[in-house]
Amino acid sequence: MPPEWAPHDGCWMLWPHRADTWREGGVPAQRAFAAVAAAIAESERVWMGAPADRCAAARELLEASIEVVALPSDDAWMRDVGPTFVIDERGERRGVDWMFNAWGGLYDSWAQDDAVAARVLERSGDSSYRAPLVLEGGSIEVDGEGTVLTTEQCLLNPNRNPSLSRGEIERELREHLGVERVLWLGEGVVDDETSGHIDNLARFVRPGVVALTWTDDAADPQHAVSLDARRRLEAAGLEVCVVPSPGPLFMTAEESAGVAVVAGTKVRAPGDRLAGSYVNFYIANGAVVAPLLDERVDDAALGILDDLFPDRSVVGVPAREILLGGGNIHCITQQMPSRSLDP
């Protein structure tokens, strides 16, 4: 699996439409997704998948360069339901099609989401591996040189692969990602409903260097989580650059009231803590597209990212509407690496 900073042929996204995820029928989130897509489209091609009856509405909000593709889905988290692209020993691109179970059952029906990866690969013309592992793309992070980061909270969670041991999960990661070392962190960002995805906590910015979400507030439960992650990363010989957390941020009564209540889906309530993180960015060919989440912290966080990516511009996009749905910019994107990459 190439690192995210390797050259891309483009980026895949999905249009937000699920009424029990996105408030006010998804309209505020659609504007946020369109802004993210526009920022990415400045330096690489973007495909936006949408249900057939939503394609026209998506087309109206998106930049002309963005291709709208009829693609059914249950929700809009392309990172987690789309394929993980890899380069094989001949230098050819293929896609890993992981099993998907709605993050351990956050909603009742997920058949359309589980089919997204195969449909994307059919469209892109890439062959695929159907992996015998329940896994979301946001739960893994690679450096392109043999190391994958993940969290125990997610991949060892009994709501994913209860019959598999740690060693068996490591074997599947090595076989399907082409990595040699699996580096386990503990928990993810506090109250992350994905069971602690790595992409909200810690991200490689280049081999040997990791950006880690951080708070100095010892009273915040995130402090202990991030401190444990920092110790594990440094013990593994990695350089850690801390990025301040926003907030803490919480859902308002107005925001909660705009989300439909549907049987079988987790209900979000006023006062729920939002798992905000500035490391949930997307590395495009010419830019790092990062979330704007808290005006008190935005400038400092993006300034650190600017230092970490001297060869790319850092573009901030207002992203609270995406966060209200349960994730952020990295969660709604999936890079398609260039076929010209060396294995």
C-alpha atoms as a PDB file:
ATOM      1  CA  MET A   1       0.000   0.000   0.000  1.00  0.00           C
ATOM      2  CA  PRO A   2       1.602   3.301  -1.048  1.00  0.00           C
ATOM      3  CA  PRO A   3       1.667   6.144   1.472  1.00  0.00           C
ATOM      4  CA  GLU A   4      -0.911   8.869   0.973  1.00  0.00           C
ATOM      5  CA  TRP A   5       1.730  11.385  -0.130  1.00  0.00           C
ATOM      6  CA  ALA A   6       2.648   9.214  -3.155  1.00  0.00           C
ATOM      7  CA  PRO A   7       1.240  10.476  -6.499  1.00  0.00           C
ATOM      8  CA  HIS A   8      -2.494   9.922  -7.057  1.00  0.00           C
ATOM      9  CA  ASP A   9      -4.528   9.367 -10.188  1.00  0.00           C
ATOM     10  CA  GLY A  10      -7.410  10.836  -8.222  1.00  0.00           C
ATOM     11  CA  CYS A  11      -9.694  10.751  -5.211  1.00  0.00           C
ATOM     12  CA  TRP A  12     -13.036   9.024  -4.610  1.00  0.00           C
ATOM     13  CA  MET A  13     -15.813  10.450  -2.415  1.00  0.00           C
ATOM     14  CA  LEU A  14     -19.490   9.725  -1.659  1.00  0.00           C
ATOM     15  CA  TRP A  15     -22.378  12.179  -1.473  1.00  0.00           C
ATOM     16  CA  PRO A  16     -23.991  12.592   2.000  1.00  0.00           C
ATOM     17  CA  HIS A  17     -27.710  11.789   1.991  1.00  0.00           C
ATOM     18  CA  ARG A  18     -28.564   9.639   5.030  1.00  0.00           C
ATOM     19  CA  ALA A  19     -31.174  11.491   7.118  1.00  0.00           C
ATOM     20  CA  ASP A  20     -30.197   9.858  10.419  1.00  0.00           C
ATOM     21  CA  THR A  21     -26.552  10.853   9.951  1.00  0.00           C
ATOM     22  CA  TRP A  22     -26.766  14.290   8.356  1.00  0.00           C
ATOM     23  CA  ARG A  23     -28.985  17.051   9.709  1.00  0.00           C
ATOM     24  CA  GLU A  24     -31.532  18.989   7.672  1.00  0.00           C
ATOM     25  CA  GLY A  25     -31.688  16.355   4.977  1.00  0.00           C
ATOM     26  CA  GLY A  26     -27.947  16.493   4.457  1.00  0.00           C
ATOM     27  CA  VAL A  27     -27.914  19.958   2.874  1.00  0.00           C
ATOM     28  CA  PRO A  28     -25.311  21.572   5.209  1.00  0.00           C
ATOM     29  CA  ALA A  29     -23.079  18.500   4.902  1.00  0.00           C
ATOM     30  CA  GLN A  30     -23.428  18.498   1.120  1.00  0.00           C
ATOM     31  CA  ARG A  31     -22.045  22.028   1.003  1.00  0.00           C
ATOM     32  CA  ALA A  32     -19.122  20.959   3.196  1.00  0.00           C
ATOM     33  CA  PHE A  33     -18.403  17.896   1.044  1.00  0.00           C
ATOM     34  CA  ALA A  34     -18.514  20.085  -2.064  1.00  0.00           C
ATOM     35  CA  ALA A  35     -15.955  22.452  -0.521  1.00  0.00           C
ATOM     36  CA  VAL A  36     -13.629  19.552   0.307  1.00  0.00           C
ATOM     37  CA  ALA A  37     -13.993  18.142  -3.200  1.00  0.00           C
ATOM     38  CA  ALA A  38     -13.238  21.555  -4.726  1.00  0.00           C
ATOM     39  CA  ALA A  39     -10.061  21.917  -2.660  1.00  0.00           C
ATOM     40  CA  ILE A  40      -8.851  18.468  -3.703  1.00  0.00           C
ATOM     41  CA  ALA A  41      -9.790  19.056  -7.345  1.00  0.00           C
ATOM     42  CA  GLU A  42      -7.263  21.894  -7.510  1.00  0.00           C
ATOM     43  CA  SER A  43      -4.506  19.277  -7.812  1.00  0.00           C
ATOM     44  CA  GLU A  44      -6.100  15.937  -8.705  1.00  0.00           C
ATOM     45  CA  ARG A  45      -9.139  14.372 -10.296  1.00  0.00           C
ATOM     46  CA  VAL A  46     -12.181  13.769  -8.060  1.00  0.00           C
ATOM     47  CA  TRP A  47     -15.044  11.307  -8.519  1.00  0.00           C
ATOM     48  CA  MET A  48     -18.174  11.812  -6.396  1.00  0.00           C
ATOM     49  CA  GLY A  49     -20.407   8.755  -6.063  1.00  0.00           C
ATOM     50  CA  ALA A  50     -24.090   9.441  -5.423  1.00  0.00           C
ATOM     51  CA  PRO A  51     -27.339   7.458  -5.572  1.00  0.00           C
ATOM     52  CA  ALA A  52     -28.875   7.781  -9.033  1.00  0.00           C
ATOM     53  CA  ASP A  53     -31.694   9.992  -7.765  1.00  0.00           C
ATOM     54  CA  ARG A  54     -29.192  12.356  -6.068  1.00  0.00           C
ATOM     55  CA  CYS A  55     -26.748  12.809  -8.955  1.00  0.00           C
ATOM     56  CA  ALA A  56     -28.466  15.896 -10.370  1.00  0.00           C
ATOM     57  CA  ALA A  57     -28.471  17.642  -6.977  1.00  0.00           C
ATOM     58  CA  ALA A  58     -24.809  16.785  -6.464  1.00  0.00           C
ATOM     59  CA  ARG A  59     -23.946  18.084  -9.912  1.00  0.00           C
ATOM     60  CA  GLU A  60     -25.482  21.475  -9.053  1.00  0.00           C
ATOM     61  CA  LEU A  61     -23.254  21.957  -5.989  1.00  0.00           C
ATOM     62  CA  LEU A  62     -19.982  20.537  -7.310  1.00  0.00           C
ATOM     63  CA  GLU A  63     -17.274  22.153  -9.420  1.00  0.00           C
ATOM     64  CA  ALA A  64     -17.533  21.332 -13.114  1.00  0.00           C
ATOM     65  CA  SER A  65     -14.258  19.361 -13.052  1.00  0.00           C
ATOM     66  CA  ILE A  66     -15.635  16.865 -10.519  1.00  0.00           C
ATOM     67  CA  GLU A  67     -17.179  13.777 -12.089  1.00  0.00           C
ATOM     68  CA  VAL A  68     -20.470  12.598 -10.573  1.00  0.00           C
ATOM     69  CA  VAL A  69     -20.888   8.820 -10.720  1.00  0.00           C
ATOM     70  CA  ALA A  70     -24.112   6.911 -10.028  1.00  0.00           C
ATOM     71  CA  LEU A  71     -23.088   4.799  -7.039  1.00  0.00           C
ATOM     72  CA  PRO A  72     -25.528   3.583  -4.367  1.00  0.00           C
ATOM     73  CA  SER A  73     -24.425   3.688  -0.734  1.00  0.00           C
ATOM     74  CA  ASP A  74     -25.873   3.567   2.753  1.00  0.00           C
ATOM     75  CA  ASP A  75     -23.783   6.530   3.921  1.00  0.00           C
ATOM     76  CA  ALA A  76     -20.876   8.695   2.775  1.00  0.00           C
ATOM     77  CA  TRP A  77     -17.654   7.441   4.395  1.00  0.00           C
ATOM     78  CA  MET A  78     -15.577   6.474   1.353  1.00  0.00           C
ATOM     79  CA  ARG A  79     -12.430   5.938   3.418  1.00  0.00           C
ATOM     80  CA  ASP A  80     -14.112   3.108   5.274  1.00  0.00           C
ATOM     81  CA  VAL A  81     -16.230   1.481   2.567  1.00  0.00           C
ATOM     82  CA  GLY A  82     -14.118   2.097  -0.517  1.00  0.00           C
ATOM     83  CA  PRO A  83     -11.207  -0.028  -1.690  1.00  0.00           C
ATOM     84  CA  THR A  84      -7.715   0.240  -0.260  1.00  0.00           C
ATOM     85  CA  PHE A  85      -5.502   0.507  -3.336  1.00  0.00           C
ATOM     86  CA  VAL A  86      -2.214  -1.378  -3.454  1.00  0.00           C
ATOM     87  CA  ILE A  87       0.576  -1.823  -6.018  1.00  0.00           C
ATOM     88  CA  ASP A  88       1.569  -5.437  -6.745  1.00  0.00           C
ATOM     89  CA  GLU A  89       4.981  -6.904  -7.499  1.00  0.00           C
ATOM     90  CA  ARG A  90       4.604  -6.069 -11.207  1.00  0.00           C
ATOM     91  CA  GLY A  91       3.851  -2.421 -10.494  1.00  0.00           C
ATOM     92  CA  GLU A  92       0.146  -2.890 -11.244  1.00  0.00           C
ATOM     93  CA  ARG A  93      -2.643  -1.386  -9.147  1.00  0.00           C
ATOM     94  CA  ARG A  94      -5.220  -3.542  -7.429  1.00  0.00           C
ATOM     95  CA  GLY A  95      -7.820  -2.902  -4.734  1.00  0.00           C
ATOM     96  CA  VAL A  96      -8.407  -4.565  -1.386  1.00  0.00           C
ATOM     97  CA  ASP A  97     -12.140  -5.010  -0.784  1.00  0.00           C
ATOM     98  CA  TRP A  98     -12.472  -5.387   2.988  1.00  0.00           C
ATOM     99  CA  MET A  99     -15.570  -6.795   4.669  1.00  0.00           C
ATOM    100  CA  PHE A 100     -17.715  -4.047   6.197  1.00  0.00           C
ATOM    101  CA  ASN A 101     -20.209  -4.263   9.075  1.00  0.00           C
ATOM    102  CA  ALA A 102     -21.043  -0.594   9.816  1.00  0.00           C
ATOM    103  CA  TRP A 103     -18.307  -0.119  12.425  1.00  0.00           C
ATOM    104  CA  GLY A 104     -19.532  -3.033  14.483  1.00  0.00           C
ATOM    105  CA  GLY A 105     -23.225  -2.365  13.868  1.00  0.00           C
ATOM    106  CA  LEU A 106     -23.846   1.386  14.190  1.00  0.00           C
ATOM    107  CA  TYR A 107     -26.775   0.919  11.827  1.00  0.00           C
ATOM    108  CA  ASP A 108     -28.868  -2.087  10.871  1.00  0.00           C
ATOM    109  CA  SER A 109     -28.393  -2.374   7.117  1.00  0.00           C
ATOM    110  CA  TRP A 110     -25.076  -1.927   5.330  1.00  0.00           C
ATOM    111  CA  ALA A 111     -25.286  -4.042   2.160  1.00  0.00           C
ATOM    112  CA  GLN A 112     -24.899  -1.061  -0.174  1.00  0.00           C
ATOM    113  CA  ASP A 113     -21.843   0.202   1.701  1.00  0.00           C
ATOM    114  CA  ASP A 114     -20.265  -3.247   1.655  1.00  0.00           C
ATOM    115  CA  ALA A 115     -20.641  -3.255  -2.144  1.00  0.00           C
ATOM    116  CA  VAL A 116     -19.076   0.181  -2.726  1.00  0.00           C
ATOM    117  CA  ALA A 117     -15.477  -1.051  -3.013  1.00  0.00           C
ATOM    118  CA  ALA A 118     -16.321  -3.597  -5.704  1.00  0.00           C
ATOM    119  CA  ARG A 119     -18.303  -0.989  -7.652  1.00  0.00           C
ATOM    120  CA  VAL A 120     -15.474   1.534  -7.497  1.00  0.00           C
ATOM    121  CA  LEU A 121     -13.005  -1.084  -8.724  1.00  0.00           C
ATOM    122  CA  GLU A 122     -15.315  -2.062 -11.565  1.00  0.00           C
ATOM    123  CA  ARG A 123     -15.445   1.593 -12.582  1.00  0.00           C
ATOM    124  CA  SER A 124     -11.681   2.147 -12.265  1.00  0.00           C
ATOM    125  CA  GLY A 125     -10.862  -1.079 -14.106  1.00  0.00           C
ATOM    126  CA  ASP A 126      -8.714  -2.465 -11.292  1.00  0.00           C
ATOM    127  CA  SER A 127      -8.884  -6.075 -10.151  1.00  0.00           C
ATOM    128  CA  SER A 128      -9.550  -6.741  -6.495  1.00  0.00           C
ATOM    129  CA  TYR A 129      -8.858  -8.884  -3.479  1.00  0.00           C
ATOM    130  CA  ARG A 130     -11.874  -9.665  -1.269  1.00  0.00           C
ATOM    131  CA  ALA A 131     -10.170  -9.783   2.108  1.00  0.00           C
ATOM    132  CA  PRO A 132     -11.435 -12.158   4.816  1.00  0.00           C
ATOM    133  CA  LEU A 133     -11.313  -9.404   7.424  1.00  0.00           C
ATOM    134  CA  VAL A 134     -13.784  -6.803   8.701  1.00  0.00           C
ATOM    135  CA  LEU A 135     -11.819  -3.584   8.414  1.00  0.00           C
ATOM    136  CA  GLU A 136     -12.374   0.071   7.539  1.00  0.00           C
ATOM    137  CA  GLY A 137      -9.781   2.146   5.714  1.00  0.00           C
ATOM    138  CA  GLY A 138      -9.683   4.701   8.523  1.00  0.00           C
ATOM    139  CA  SER A 139      -8.356   2.046  10.891  1.00  0.00           C
ATOM    140  CA  ILE A 140      -5.001   1.670   9.090  1.00  0.00           C
ATOM    141  CA  GLU A 141      -2.193   4.112   8.310  1.00  0.00           C
ATOM    142  CA  VAL A 142       0.971   3.199   6.373  1.00  0.00           C
ATOM    143  CA  ASP A 143       4.354   4.816   5.751  1.00  0.00           C
ATOM    144  CA  GLY A 144       4.981   3.031   2.438  1.00  0.00           C
ATOM    145  CA  GLU A 145       8.150   1.508   3.851  1.00  0.00           C
ATOM    146  CA  GLY A 146       6.775  -1.501   5.668  1.00  0.00           C
ATOM    147  CA  THR A 147       4.948  -0.165   8.733  1.00  0.00           C
ATOM    148  CA  VAL A 148       1.218   0.045   9.408  1.00  0.00           C
ATOM    149  CA  LEU A 149      -0.284   1.867  12.394  1.00  0.00           C
ATOM    150  CA  THR A 150      -3.580   0.799  13.928  1.00  0.00           C
ATOM    151  CA  THR A 151      -5.329   0.758  17.314  1.00  0.00           C
ATOM    152  CA  GLU A 152      -6.179  -2.072  19.642  1.00  0.00           C
ATOM    153  CA  GLN A 153      -9.495  -0.407  20.428  1.00  0.00           C
ATOM    154  CA  CYS A 154     -10.616  -0.881  16.824  1.00  0.00           C
ATOM    155  CA  LEU A 155      -9.017  -3.938  15.230  1.00  0.00           C
ATOM    156  CA  LEU A 156      -9.091  -6.036  18.404  1.00  0.00           C
ATOM    157  CA  ASN A 157     -12.678  -5.021  19.141  1.00  0.00           C
ATOM    158  CA  PRO A 158     -14.986  -8.076  19.338  1.00  0.00           C
ATOM    159  CA  ASN A 159     -17.512  -6.212  17.170  1.00  0.00           C
ATOM    160  CA  ARG A 160     -15.180  -6.616  14.171  1.00  0.00           C
ATOM    161  CA  ASN A 161     -13.398  -9.995  13.999  1.00  0.00           C
ATOM    162  CA  PRO A 162     -14.156 -11.829  17.261  1.00  0.00           C
ATOM    163  CA  SER A 163     -12.767 -15.168  16.050  1.00  0.00           C
ATOM    164  CA  LEU A 164      -9.348 -13.795  15.095  1.00  0.00           C
ATOM    165  CA  SER A 165      -6.365 -13.342  17.408  1.00  0.00           C
ATOM    166  CA  ARG A 166      -3.997 -10.391  17.334  1.00  0.00           C
ATOM    167  CA  GLY A 167      -1.471 -12.542  15.482  1.00  0.00           C
ATOM    168  CA  GLU A 168      -4.020 -13.617  12.883  1.00  0.00           C
ATOM    169  CA  ILE A 169      -5.091 -10.019  12.260  1.00  0.00           C
ATOM    170  CA  GLU A 170      -1.435  -9.016  11.874  1.00  0.00           C
ATOM    171  CA  ARG A 171      -0.981 -11.804   9.320  1.00  0.00           C
ATOM    172  CA  GLU A 172      -3.908 -10.521   7.246  1.00  0.00           C
ATOM    173  CA  LEU A 173      -2.545  -6.967   7.356  1.00  0.00           C
ATOM    174  CA  ARG A 174       0.875  -8.145   6.189  1.00  0.00           C
ATOM    175  CA  GLU A 175      -0.601 -10.229   3.386  1.00  0.00           C
ATOM    176  CA  HIS A 176      -3.004  -7.597   2.061  1.00  0.00           C
ATOM    177  CA  LEU A 177      -1.005  -4.393   2.604  1.00  0.00           C
ATOM    178  CA  GLY A 178       2.502  -5.663   1.939  1.00  0.00           C
ATOM    179  CA  VAL A 179       3.789  -4.451   5.302  1.00  0.00           C
ATOM    180  CA  GLU A 180       6.329  -6.019   7.626  1.00  0.00           C
ATOM    181  CA  ARG A 181       5.634  -4.298  10.946  1.00  0.00           C
ATOM    182  CA  VAL A 182       2.271  -3.774  12.636  1.00  0.00           C
ATOM    183  CA  LEU A 183       2.522  -1.040  15.270  1.00  0.00           C
ATOM    184  CA  TRP A 184      -0.366  -1.081  17.731  1.00  0.00           C
ATOM    185  CA  LEU A 185      -1.521   2.018  19.569  1.00  0.00           C
ATOM    186  CA  GLY A 186      -4.094   1.703  22.360  1.00  0.00           C
ATOM    187  CA  GLU A 187      -7.273   3.767  22.169  1.00  0.00           C
ATOM    188  CA  GLY A 188      -8.304   6.333  19.589  1.00  0.00           C
ATOM    189  CA  VAL A 189      -9.764   9.813  20.026  1.00  0.00           C
ATOM    190  CA  VAL A 190     -12.231  10.031  22.920  1.00  0.00           C
ATOM    191  CA  ASP A 191     -15.849   9.270  21.945  1.00  0.00           C
ATOM    192  CA  ASP A 192     -14.941   8.335  18.376  1.00  0.00           C
ATOM    193  CA  GLU A 193     -17.865   6.110  17.361  1.00  0.00           C
ATOM    194  CA  THR A 194     -15.654   4.191  14.931  1.00  0.00           C
ATOM    195  CA  SER A 195     -14.083   2.420  17.933  1.00  0.00           C
ATOM    196  CA  GLY A 196     -10.947   4.501  17.726  1.00  0.00           C
ATOM    197  CA  HIS A 197      -9.818   4.815  14.117  1.00  0.00           C
ATOM    198  CA  ILE A 198      -6.128   5.596  13.733  1.00  0.00           C
ATOM    199  CA  ASP A 199      -6.746   8.356  11.163  1.00  0.00           C
ATOM    200  CA  ASN A 200      -8.321  10.541  13.836  1.00  0.00           C
ATOM    201  CA  LEU A 201      -5.422  10.017  16.241  1.00  0.00           C
ATOM    202  CA  ALA A 202      -2.090   9.613  14.463  1.00  0.00           C
ATOM    203  CA  ARG A 203      -0.944  10.039  10.841  1.00  0.00           C
ATOM    204  CA  PHE A 204       2.339   9.489   9.066  1.00  0.00           C
ATOM    205  CA  VAL A 205       3.528  12.680   7.394  1.00  0.00           C
ATOM    206  CA  ARG A 206       6.656  11.001   6.024  1.00  0.00           C
ATOM    207  CA  PRO A 207       8.554   7.820   6.902  1.00  0.00           C
ATOM    208  CA  GLY A 208       9.550   7.887  10.542  1.00  0.00           C
ATOM    209  CA  VAL A 209       7.457  10.963  11.443  1.00  0.00           C
ATOM    210  CA  VAL A 210       3.936  10.917  12.895  1.00  0.00           C
ATOM    211  CA  ALA A 211       1.500  13.753  13.581  1.00  0.00           C
ATOM    212  CA  LEU A 212      -0.398  13.014  16.820  1.00  0.00           C
ATOM    213  CA  THR A 213      -3.519  14.746  18.103  1.00  0.00           C
ATOM    214  CA  TRP A 214      -2.732  16.188  21.527  1.00  0.00           C
ATOM    215  CA  THR A 215      -3.968  18.145  24.522  1.00  0.00           C
ATOM    216  CA  ASP A 216      -1.957  19.494  27.444  1.00  0.00           C
ATOM    217  CA  ASP A 217      -5.048  19.443  29.659  1.00  0.00           C
ATOM    218  CA  ALA A 218      -4.444  16.546  32.058  1.00  0.00           C
ATOM    219  CA  ALA A 219      -8.113  16.678  33.113  1.00  0.00           C
ATOM    220  CA  ASP A 220      -9.239  15.896  29.573  1.00  0.00           C
ATOM    221  CA  PRO A 221      -9.469  12.115  29.009  1.00  0.00           C
ATOM    222  CA  GLN A 222      -7.820  12.673  25.624  1.00  0.00           C
ATOM    223  CA  HIS A 223      -4.579  13.570  27.402  1.00  0.00           C
ATOM    224  CA  ALA A 224      -4.018  10.047  28.752  1.00  0.00           C
ATOM    225  CA  VAL A 225      -4.927   8.488  25.403  1.00  0.00           C
ATOM    226  CA  SER A 226      -2.532  10.696  23.454  1.00  0.00           C
ATOM    227  CA  LEU A 227       0.222  10.316  26.047  1.00  0.00           C
ATOM    228  CA  ASP A 228      -0.001   6.524  25.786  1.00  0.00           C
ATOM    229  CA  ALA A 229       0.126   6.766  21.980  1.00  0.00           C
ATOM    230  CA  ARG A 230       3.147   9.075  22.127  1.00  0.00           C
ATOM    231  CA  ARG A 231       5.034   6.686  24.368  1.00  0.00           C
ATOM    232  CA  ARG A 232       4.325   3.739  22.067  1.00  0.00           C
ATOM    233  CA  LEU A 233       5.318   5.673  18.946  1.00  0.00           C
ATOM    234  CA  GLU A 234       8.562   6.929  20.468  1.00  0.00           C
ATOM    235  CA  ALA A 235       9.385   3.460  21.813  1.00  0.00           C
ATOM    236  CA  ALA A 236       9.050   2.218  18.225  1.00  0.00           C
ATOM    237  CA  GLY A 237      11.660   4.768  17.115  1.00  0.00           C
ATOM    238  CA  LEU A 238       9.289   7.247  15.474  1.00  0.00           C
ATOM    239  CA  GLU A 239       9.472  11.030  15.714  1.00  0.00           C
ATOM    240  CA  VAL A 240       6.239  12.498  17.078  1.00  0.00           C
ATOM    241  CA  CYS A 241       4.918  15.958  16.219  1.00  0.00           C
ATOM    242  CA  VAL A 242       1.932  16.945  18.332  1.00  0.00           C
ATOM    243  CA  VAL A 243      -1.032  18.784  16.837  1.00  0.00           C
ATOM    244  CA  PRO A 244      -3.426  20.473  19.300  1.00  0.00           C
ATOM    245  CA  SER A 245      -6.953  19.153  19.587  1.00  0.00           C
ATOM    246  CA  PRO A 246      -9.916  21.445  19.012  1.00  0.00           C
ATOM    247  CA  GLY A 247     -12.373  22.142  21.781  1.00  0.00           C
ATOM    248  CA  PRO A 248     -13.439  19.830  23.335  1.00  0.00           C
ATOM    249  CA  LEU A 249     -16.415  20.225  20.999  1.00  0.00           C
ATOM    250  CA  PHE A 250     -19.999  19.164  21.718  1.00  0.00           C
ATOM    251  CA  MET A 251     -23.167  18.740  19.684  1.00  0.00           C
ATOM    252  CA  THR A 252     -25.728  21.488  20.238  1.00  0.00           C
ATOM    253  CA  ALA A 253     -29.450  21.012  20.722  1.00  0.00           C
ATOM    254  CA  GLU A 254     -30.129  22.693  17.382  1.00  0.00           C
ATOM    255  CA  GLU A 255     -27.736  20.363  15.564  1.00  0.00           C
ATOM    256  CA  SER A 256     -29.175  17.277  17.211  1.00  0.00           C
ATOM    257  CA  ALA A 257     -32.737  18.305  16.408  1.00  0.00           C
ATOM    258  CA  GLY A 258     -31.951  18.389  12.694  1.00  0.00           C
ATOM    259  CA  VAL A 259     -31.036  14.674  12.536  1.00  0.00           C
ATOM    260  CA  ALA A 260     -33.783  12.156  11.807  1.00  0.00           C
ATOM    261  CA  VAL A 261     -34.391   9.422  14.379  1.00  0.00           C
ATOM    262  CA  VAL A 262     -34.514   6.005  12.715  1.00  0.00           C
ATOM    263  CA  ALA A 263     -34.877   2.646  14.433  1.00  0.00           C
ATOM    264  CA  GLY A 264     -31.675   0.660  14.503  1.00  0.00           C
ATOM    265  CA  THR A 265     -29.348   3.659  14.324  1.00  0.00           C
ATOM    266  CA  LYS A 266     -27.380   5.255  17.134  1.00  0.00           C
ATOM    267  CA  VAL A 267     -29.127   8.439  18.343  1.00  0.00           C
ATOM    268  CA  ARG A 268     -26.970  11.549  18.734  1.00  0.00           C
ATOM    269  CA  ALA A 269     -27.951  13.849  21.579  1.00  0.00           C
ATOM    270  CA  PRO A 270     -27.250  17.427  22.667  1.00  0.00           C
ATOM    271  CA  GLY A 271     -24.054  17.569  24.684  1.00  0.00           C
ATOM    272  CA  ASP A 272     -22.461  14.544  22.996  1.00  0.00           C
ATOM    273  CA  ARG A 273     -18.723  15.055  22.653  1.00  0.00           C
ATOM    274  CA  LEU A 274     -17.550  15.267  19.046  1.00  0.00           C
ATOM    275  CA  ALA A 275     -14.352  13.432  18.118  1.00  0.00           C
ATOM    276  CA  GLY A 276     -12.696  16.426  16.488  1.00  0.00           C
ATOM    277  CA  SER A 277      -9.106  16.162  15.262  1.00  0.00           C
ATOM    278  CA  TYR A 278      -6.912  18.204  12.942  1.00  0.00           C
ATOM    279  CA  VAL A 279      -4.915  15.130  11.876  1.00  0.00           C
ATOM    280  CA  ASN A 280      -8.000  13.933   9.977  1.00  0.00           C
ATOM    281  CA  PHE A 281      -6.629  15.614   6.836  1.00  0.00           C
ATOM    282  CA  TYR A 282      -6.286  14.432   3.231  1.00  0.00           C
ATOM    283  CA  ILE A 283      -2.938  14.570   1.436  1.00  0.00           C
ATOM    284  CA  ALA A 284      -3.685  15.500  -2.179  1.00  0.00           C
ATOM    285  CA  ASN A 285      -1.115  15.774  -4.967  1.00  0.00           C
ATOM    286  CA  GLY A 286      -0.592  19.485  -4.435  1.00  0.00           C
ATOM    287  CA  ALA A 287      -2.148  20.242  -1.073  1.00  0.00           C
ATOM    288  CA  VAL A 288      -3.063  19.024   2.384  1.00  0.00           C
ATOM    289  CA  VAL A 289      -6.787  19.601   2.874  1.00  0.00           C
ATOM    290  CA  ALA A 290      -7.418  19.983   6.600  1.00  0.00           C
ATOM    291  CA  PRO A 291     -10.506  20.615   8.744  1.00  0.00           C
ATOM    292  CA  LEU A 292     -11.314  23.951  10.329  1.00  0.00           C
ATOM    293  CA  LEU A 293     -13.032  23.077  13.600  1.00  0.00           C
ATOM    294  CA  ASP A 294     -12.345  25.677  16.300  1.00  0.00           C
ATOM    295  CA  GLU A 295     -11.372  29.267  15.557  1.00  0.00           C
ATOM    296  CA  ARG A 296      -9.372  29.352  18.793  1.00  0.00           C
ATOM    297  CA  VAL A 297      -7.087  26.568  17.566  1.00  0.00           C
ATOM    298  CA  ASP A 298      -7.399  26.486  13.756  1.00  0.00           C
ATOM    299  CA  ASP A 299      -4.454  28.772  12.967  1.00  0.00           C
ATOM    300  CA  ALA A 300      -2.049  27.015  15.327  1.00  0.00           C
ATOM    301  CA  ALA A 301      -2.992  23.555  14.087  1.00  0.00           C
ATOM    302  CA  LEU A 302      -2.766  24.446  10.407  1.00  0.00           C
ATOM    303  CA  GLY A 303       0.521  26.235  11.040  1.00  0.00           C
ATOM    304  CA  ILE A 304       1.992  22.999  12.391  1.00  0.00           C
ATOM    305  CA  LEU A 305       0.694  21.077   9.375  1.00  0.00           C
ATOM    306  CA  ASP A 306       2.231  23.709   7.115  1.00  0.00           C
ATOM    307  CA  ASP A 307       5.626  23.055   8.731  1.00  0.00           C
ATOM    308  CA  LEU A 308       5.157  19.286   8.365  1.00  0.00           C
ATOM    309  CA  PHE A 309       4.332  19.493   4.652  1.00  0.00           C
ATOM    310  CA  PRO A 310       6.780  22.035   3.158  1.00  0.00           C
ATOM    311  CA  ASP A 311       6.179  20.720  -0.380  1.00  0.00           C
ATOM    312  CA  ARG A 312       2.397  21.204  -0.276  1.00  0.00           C
ATOM    313  CA  SER A 313       0.046  24.044   0.516  1.00  0.00           C
ATOM    314  CA  VAL A 314      -2.225  23.500   3.525  1.00  0.00           C
ATOM    315  CA  VAL A 315      -5.834  24.377   2.747  1.00  0.00           C
ATOM    316  CA  GLY A 316      -8.353  24.684   5.578  1.00  0.00           C
ATOM    317  CA  VAL A 317     -11.996  23.849   4.898  1.00  0.00           C
ATOM    318  CA  PRO A 318     -14.828  24.457   7.424  1.00  0.00           C
ATOM    319  CA  ALA A 319     -15.672  20.932   8.548  1.00  0.00           C
ATOM    320  CA  ARG A 320     -17.968  20.978  11.580  1.00  0.00           C
ATOM    321  CA  GLU A 321     -20.860  19.685   9.471  1.00  0.00           C
ATOM    322  CA  ILE A 322     -18.755  16.642   8.547  1.00  0.00           C
ATOM    323  CA  LEU A 323     -17.774  16.158  12.190  1.00  0.00           C
ATOM    324  CA  LEU A 324     -21.453  16.165  13.215  1.00  0.00           C
ATOM    325  CA  GLY A 325     -21.885  13.053  11.070  1.00  0.00           C
ATOM    326  CA  GLY A 326     -19.131  11.224  12.936  1.00  0.00           C
ATOM    327  CA  GLY A 327     -15.911  11.788  10.991  1.00  0.00           C
ATOM    328  CA  ASN A 328     -13.974  14.294   8.962  1.00  0.00           C
ATOM    329  CA  ILE A 329     -12.050  15.026   5.763  1.00  0.00           C
ATOM    330  CA  HIS A 330      -9.884  11.911   5.707  1.00  0.00           C
ATOM    331  CA  CYS A 331     -12.932   9.776   6.471  1.00  0.00           C
ATOM    332  CA  ILE A 332     -14.832  10.990   3.395  1.00  0.00           C
ATOM    333  CA  THR A 333     -11.980  10.567   0.910  1.00  0.00           C
ATOM    334  CA  GLN A 334     -10.058   7.656  -0.600  1.00  0.00           C
ATOM    335  CA  GLN A 335      -6.957   8.200  -2.719  1.00  0.00           C
ATOM    336  CA  MET A 336      -6.362   6.174  -5.880  1.00  0.00           C
ATOM    337  CA  PRO A 337      -2.579   5.932  -6.280  1.00  0.00           C
ATOM    338  CA  SER A 338      -1.000   6.342  -9.667  1.00  0.00           C
ATOM    339  CA  ARG A 339      -0.526   3.215 -11.745  1.00  0.00           C
ATOM    340  CA  SER A 340       2.961   4.511 -12.557  1.00  0.00           C
ATOM    341  CA  LEU A 341       4.203   3.934  -9.000  1.00  0.00           C
ATOM    342  CA  ASP A 342       6.981   1.407  -8.466  1.00  0.00           C
ATOM    343  CA  PRO A 343       6.112  -1.550  -6.213  1.00  0.00           C
END
